[in-house]
């Protein structure tokens, strides 16, 4: 049976379309978010199950720094439209920002399932899975993201990290070497390659890449720490002490201070 459009539904459609138009205008001009929010709030008063309204309002609140309020609307949007990839992706990012990583992972799983070609969904799923130490999911999701966008070296960094943590050092080394080839001036890439080589027992190449990392970013305390350890292993105590001293100056953590004390750094 053909549905007759009642007045309230008509108002909802008008408010929804007006809100989308205003939000697009706001995004382009960078002004007037309150106006757009008021339109969507009115639309939601007419229909509390208006998923798109909850999503746009939630995204706007998150942008304004009202993370908890934004999350509430994004969760409502997910309840009303549980398979919408855009809703799931927005919810995942807000939950991740709020450090609700398990919720974020579930939302990113939804986004990736609903839109298998969305590289952002797979990349975010891989990233939050890495933080949760779900290394198998971090690996598979990041591999899928790289298939979709082979130019993203940040994905290689995440993939190599997941593989290294899982003990797959050969694969991790291969990924990091490719990342270094593509971004030779990235200190984090050089560091992770050096650390992987150190774990594999290749002290000479590890020292080379960790030195490269410390040159690219002289404030990278982790590089100085591992350079100190490698110098200590080859009994080059002068270099070891200098590197340990630098590590403590940059980051006086318990680990760095313990190594410096062990090496007799005053």
Protein backbone atom coordinates (compact mmCIF):
# COMPACT_ATOMS: atom_id res chain seq x y z
CA UNK A 1 0.00 0.00 0.00
CA UNK A 2 1.28 3.44 -0.91
CA UNK A 3 2.22 5.42 2.16
CA UNK A 4 0.64 8.84 2.55
CA UNK A 5 3.20 11.47 3.55
CA UNK A 6 1.87 13.08 6.74
CA UNK A 7 2.74 16.58 7.88
CA UNK A 8 5.29 15.57 10.49
CA UNK A 9 7.16 13.40 7.97
CA UNK A 10 7.06 16.22 5.48
CA UNK A 11 8.59 18.56 8.06
CA UNK A 12 11.28 15.97 8.82
CA UNK A 13 12.26 15.69 5.17
CA UNK A 14 12.41 19.47 4.84
CA UNK A 15 14.47 19.87 8.00
CA UNK A 16 16.77 17.00 7.00
CA UNK A 17 17.48 18.36 3.56
CA UNK A 18 17.94 21.86 4.92
CA UNK A 19 20.35 20.53 7.53
CA UNK A 20 22.43 18.70 4.92
CA UNK A 21 22.58 21.84 2.81
CA UNK A 22 23.52 24.02 5.75
CA UNK A 23 26.11 21.54 6.97
CA UNK A 24 27.74 21.42 3.53
CA UNK A 25 27.71 25.21 3.44
CA UNK A 26 29.23 25.36 6.92
CA UNK A 27 31.96 22.92 5.92
CA UNK A 28 32.90 25.08 2.96
CA UNK A 29 32.74 28.43 4.70
CA UNK A 30 33.88 27.35 8.13
CA UNK A 31 31.19 29.27 10.01
CA UNK A 32 27.78 28.82 11.57
CA UNK A 33 27.76 25.25 12.97
CA UNK A 34 25.15 26.19 15.56
CA UNK A 35 22.63 26.91 12.81
CA UNK A 36 23.11 23.49 11.24
CA UNK A 37 22.94 21.82 14.66
CA UNK A 38 19.64 23.54 15.47
CA UNK A 39 18.11 22.26 12.23
CA UNK A 40 19.11 18.67 13.00
CA UNK A 41 17.99 18.98 16.61
CA UNK A 42 14.59 20.06 15.33
CA UNK A 43 14.51 17.16 12.89
CA UNK A 44 15.39 14.72 15.68
CA UNK A 45 12.62 16.16 17.84
CA UNK A 46 10.21 15.22 15.04
CA UNK A 47 11.77 11.77 14.56
CA UNK A 48 14.13 10.50 17.30
CA UNK A 49 15.11 7.59 15.02
CA UNK A 50 16.50 9.82 12.26
CA UNK A 51 19.89 8.07 11.92
CA UNK A 52 21.45 10.58 9.55
CA UNK A 53 20.51 13.39 11.92
CA UNK A 54 22.12 11.65 14.88
CA UNK A 55 25.25 10.99 12.80
CA UNK A 56 25.73 14.55 11.55
CA UNK A 57 24.91 16.03 14.95
CA UNK A 58 27.28 13.59 16.64
CA UNK A 59 30.10 14.41 14.23
CA UNK A 60 29.59 18.13 14.80
CA UNK A 61 29.65 17.73 18.59
CA UNK A 62 32.86 15.69 18.41
CA UNK A 63 34.45 18.43 16.29
CA UNK A 64 33.43 20.96 18.93
CA UNK A 65 35.18 18.90 21.61
CA UNK A 66 31.96 17.56 23.17
CA UNK A 67 33.08 13.98 22.77
CA UNK A 68 30.68 12.32 25.23
CA UNK A 69 27.64 14.08 23.77
CA UNK A 70 28.82 13.28 20.26
CA UNK A 71 29.28 9.62 21.12
CA UNK A 72 25.74 9.42 22.47
CA UNK A 73 24.32 10.60 19.14
CA UNK A 74 26.61 8.37 17.10
CA UNK A 75 25.56 5.36 19.16
CA UNK A 76 21.92 6.25 18.53
CA UNK A 77 22.68 6.50 14.82
CA UNK A 78 24.23 3.00 14.92
CA UNK A 79 21.18 1.64 16.72
CA UNK A 80 18.84 3.08 14.09
CA UNK A 81 21.00 2.15 11.08
CA UNK A 82 23.35 -0.63 12.22
CA UNK A 83 24.79 -1.44 8.77
CA UNK A 84 25.58 2.08 7.54
CA UNK A 85 29.33 2.26 6.86
CA UNK A 86 29.52 6.03 7.35
CA UNK A 87 27.77 5.80 10.72
CA UNK A 88 30.02 2.93 11.81
CA UNK A 89 33.18 4.74 10.74
CA UNK A 90 32.22 7.95 12.57
CA UNK A 91 31.29 6.01 15.70
CA UNK A 92 34.54 4.05 15.57
CA UNK A 93 36.66 7.17 15.33
CA UNK A 94 34.82 8.91 18.17
CA UNK A 95 35.05 5.81 20.37
CA UNK A 96 38.76 5.45 19.56
CA UNK A 97 39.27 9.10 20.49
CA UNK A 98 37.52 8.38 23.79
CA UNK A 99 39.87 5.38 24.27
CA UNK A 100 36.93 2.97 24.05
CA UNK A 101 39.00 0.74 21.80
CA UNK A 102 36.86 -2.41 21.95
CA UNK A 103 33.80 -0.44 20.87
CA UNK A 104 35.86 1.27 18.18
CA UNK A 105 37.06 -2.06 16.80
CA UNK A 106 33.50 -3.37 16.57
CA UNK A 107 32.41 -0.21 14.76
CA UNK A 108 35.31 -0.41 12.31
CA UNK A 109 34.46 -4.07 11.65
CA UNK A 110 30.96 -2.89 10.75
CA UNK A 111 32.32 -0.17 8.47
CA UNK A 112 34.67 -2.56 6.67
CA UNK A 113 31.95 -5.20 6.22
CA UNK A 114 29.47 -2.64 4.88
CA UNK A 115 31.99 -1.00 2.54
CA UNK A 116 34.78 -3.49 1.71
CA UNK A 117 36.47 -0.99 -0.60
CA UNK A 118 36.80 1.72 2.05
CA UNK A 119 40.52 1.95 2.82
CA UNK A 120 39.90 4.18 5.88
CA UNK A 121 37.73 1.53 7.52
CA UNK A 122 40.40 -1.17 7.10
CA UNK A 123 43.23 1.18 8.11
CA UNK A 124 41.43 2.26 11.29
CA UNK A 125 40.48 -1.32 12.09
CA UNK A 126 44.12 -2.32 11.77
CA UNK A 127 45.28 0.61 13.88
CA UNK A 128 42.93 0.06 16.81
CA UNK A 129 43.52 -3.71 16.67
CA UNK A 130 47.25 -3.03 16.99
CA UNK A 131 46.62 -0.95 20.11
CA UNK A 132 44.50 -3.80 21.51
CA UNK A 133 47.35 -6.25 20.75
CA UNK A 134 45.01 -8.18 18.47
CA UNK A 135 47.93 -8.82 16.16
CA UNK A 136 46.22 -11.26 13.80
CA UNK A 137 43.40 -8.81 13.08
CA UNK A 138 45.80 -5.88 12.93
CA UNK A 139 47.82 -7.74 10.30
CA UNK A 140 44.92 -8.86 8.12
CA UNK A 141 43.10 -5.52 8.22
CA UNK A 142 46.23 -3.50 7.47
CA UNK A 143 47.16 -5.84 4.63
CA UNK A 144 43.72 -5.24 3.13
CA UNK A 145 44.13 -1.47 3.50
CA UNK A 146 47.51 -1.66 1.74
CA UNK A 147 45.98 -3.63 -1.11
CA UNK A 148 43.49 -0.80 -1.56
CA UNK A 149 46.09 1.98 -1.23
CA UNK A 150 49.68 0.77 -1.78
CA UNK A 151 51.04 4.33 -1.51
CA UNK A 152 50.33 4.73 2.21
CA UNK A 153 53.58 4.18 4.05
CA UNK A 154 51.93 4.69 7.45
CA UNK A 155 50.14 1.43 6.78
CA UNK A 156 53.46 -0.31 6.16
CA UNK A 157 54.68 1.02 9.51
CA UNK A 158 51.62 -0.43 11.27
CA UNK A 159 51.85 -3.72 9.38
CA UNK A 160 55.54 -4.13 10.12
CA UNK A 161 54.93 -3.35 13.79
CA UNK A 162 52.14 -5.93 14.03
CA UNK A 163 54.31 -8.58 12.36
CA UNK A 164 57.31 -7.81 14.57
CA UNK A 165 55.22 -8.02 17.73
CA UNK A 166 53.84 -11.35 16.53
CA UNK A 167 57.41 -12.63 16.10
CA UNK A 168 57.27 -12.67 12.29
CA UNK A 169 60.56 -10.81 12.03
CA UNK A 170 61.43 -11.84 8.46
CA UNK A 171 58.17 -10.44 7.11
CA UNK A 172 58.44 -7.36 9.31
CA UNK A 173 61.96 -6.65 8.06
CA UNK A 174 60.80 -6.93 4.45
CA UNK A 175 57.92 -4.50 5.08
CA UNK A 176 60.15 -2.00 6.88
CA UNK A 177 62.81 -2.13 4.15
CA UNK A 178 60.14 -1.28 1.59
CA UNK A 179 58.88 1.53 3.83
CA UNK A 180 62.43 2.89 4.14
CA UNK A 181 62.86 2.75 0.38
CA UNK A 182 59.72 4.83 -0.07
CA UNK A 183 60.39 7.23 2.82
CA UNK A 184 64.15 7.41 3.39
CA UNK A 185 63.86 10.44 5.67
CA UNK A 186 61.25 9.03 8.06
CA UNK A 187 62.84 8.57 11.49
CA UNK A 188 60.12 6.20 12.74
CA UNK A 189 60.57 3.91 9.76
CA UNK A 190 64.36 3.87 10.24
CA UNK A 191 63.91 3.18 13.95
CA UNK A 192 61.50 0.29 13.46
CA UNK A 193 63.73 -1.26 10.81
CA UNK A 194 66.72 -0.93 13.12
CA UNK A 195 64.82 -2.44 16.05
CA UNK A 196 63.68 -5.38 13.93
CA UNK A 197 67.23 -6.02 12.75
CA UNK A 198 68.40 -5.87 16.37
CA UNK A 199 65.82 -8.49 17.35
CA UNK A 200 67.05 -10.68 14.51
CA UNK A 201 70.62 -10.42 15.79
CA UNK A 202 71.99 -8.33 12.94
CA UNK A 203 73.85 -5.85 15.16
CA UNK A 204 75.77 -4.10 12.37
CA UNK A 205 72.74 -3.24 10.23
CA UNK A 206 70.69 -2.47 13.34
CA UNK A 207 73.28 0.07 14.44
CA UNK A 208 73.31 1.60 10.98
CA UNK A 209 69.53 2.13 10.88
CA UNK A 210 69.21 3.23 14.51
CA UNK A 211 71.99 5.75 13.93
CA UNK A 212 70.07 6.93 10.87
CA UNK A 213 66.95 7.33 13.03
CA UNK A 214 68.86 9.37 15.63
CA UNK A 215 70.22 11.61 12.88
CA UNK A 216 66.79 12.18 11.36
CA UNK A 217 65.28 12.85 14.79
CA UNK A 218 67.92 13.64 17.44
CA UNK A 219 65.16 13.68 20.09
CA UNK A 220 64.14 10.07 19.52
CA UNK A 221 65.02 8.64 22.93
CA UNK A 222 64.24 5.05 21.92
CA UNK A 223 66.88 5.14 19.22
CA UNK A 224 69.54 6.32 21.66
CA UNK A 225 68.58 3.61 24.16
CA UNK A 226 69.01 0.80 21.65
CA UNK A 227 72.21 2.32 20.29
CA UNK A 228 73.54 2.26 23.85
CA UNK A 229 72.58 -1.41 24.24
CA UNK A 230 74.26 -2.35 20.95
CA UNK A 231 77.42 -0.42 21.84
CA UNK A 232 77.49 -2.14 25.23
CA UNK A 233 77.20 -5.53 23.52
CA UNK A 234 80.25 -4.81 21.36
CA UNK A 235 82.07 -3.44 24.44
CA UNK A 236 82.28 0.11 23.07
CA UNK A 237 81.57 1.64 26.47
CA UNK A 238 82.35 5.25 25.58
CA UNK A 239 79.73 5.27 22.83
CA UNK A 240 77.34 3.29 25.04
CA UNK A 241 77.59 5.82 27.87
CA UNK A 242 77.12 8.80 25.55
CA UNK A 243 74.03 7.22 23.99
CA UNK A 244 72.58 6.22 27.37
CA UNK A 245 73.18 9.73 28.72
CA UNK A 246 71.35 11.18 25.74
CA UNK A 247 68.44 8.77 26.22
CA UNK A 248 68.04 9.81 29.86
CA UNK A 249 68.23 13.50 29.00
CA UNK A 250 65.42 13.07 26.48
CA UNK A 251 63.30 10.65 28.49
CA UNK A 252 64.22 9.91 32.12
CA UNK A 253 62.24 6.66 32.23
CA UNK A 254 63.08 3.84 34.64
CA UNK A 255 64.44 1.73 31.77
CA UNK A 256 66.71 4.48 30.47
CA UNK A 257 67.98 5.39 33.94
CA UNK A 258 68.66 1.73 34.77
CA UNK A 259 70.78 1.31 31.64
CA UNK A 260 72.68 4.52 32.33
CA UNK A 261 73.34 3.40 35.92
CA UNK A 262 74.51 0.00 34.69
CA UNK A 263 76.99 1.73 32.37
CA UNK A 264 78.24 4.01 35.13
CA UNK A 265 76.83 7.22 33.67
CA UNK A 266 77.02 9.92 36.38
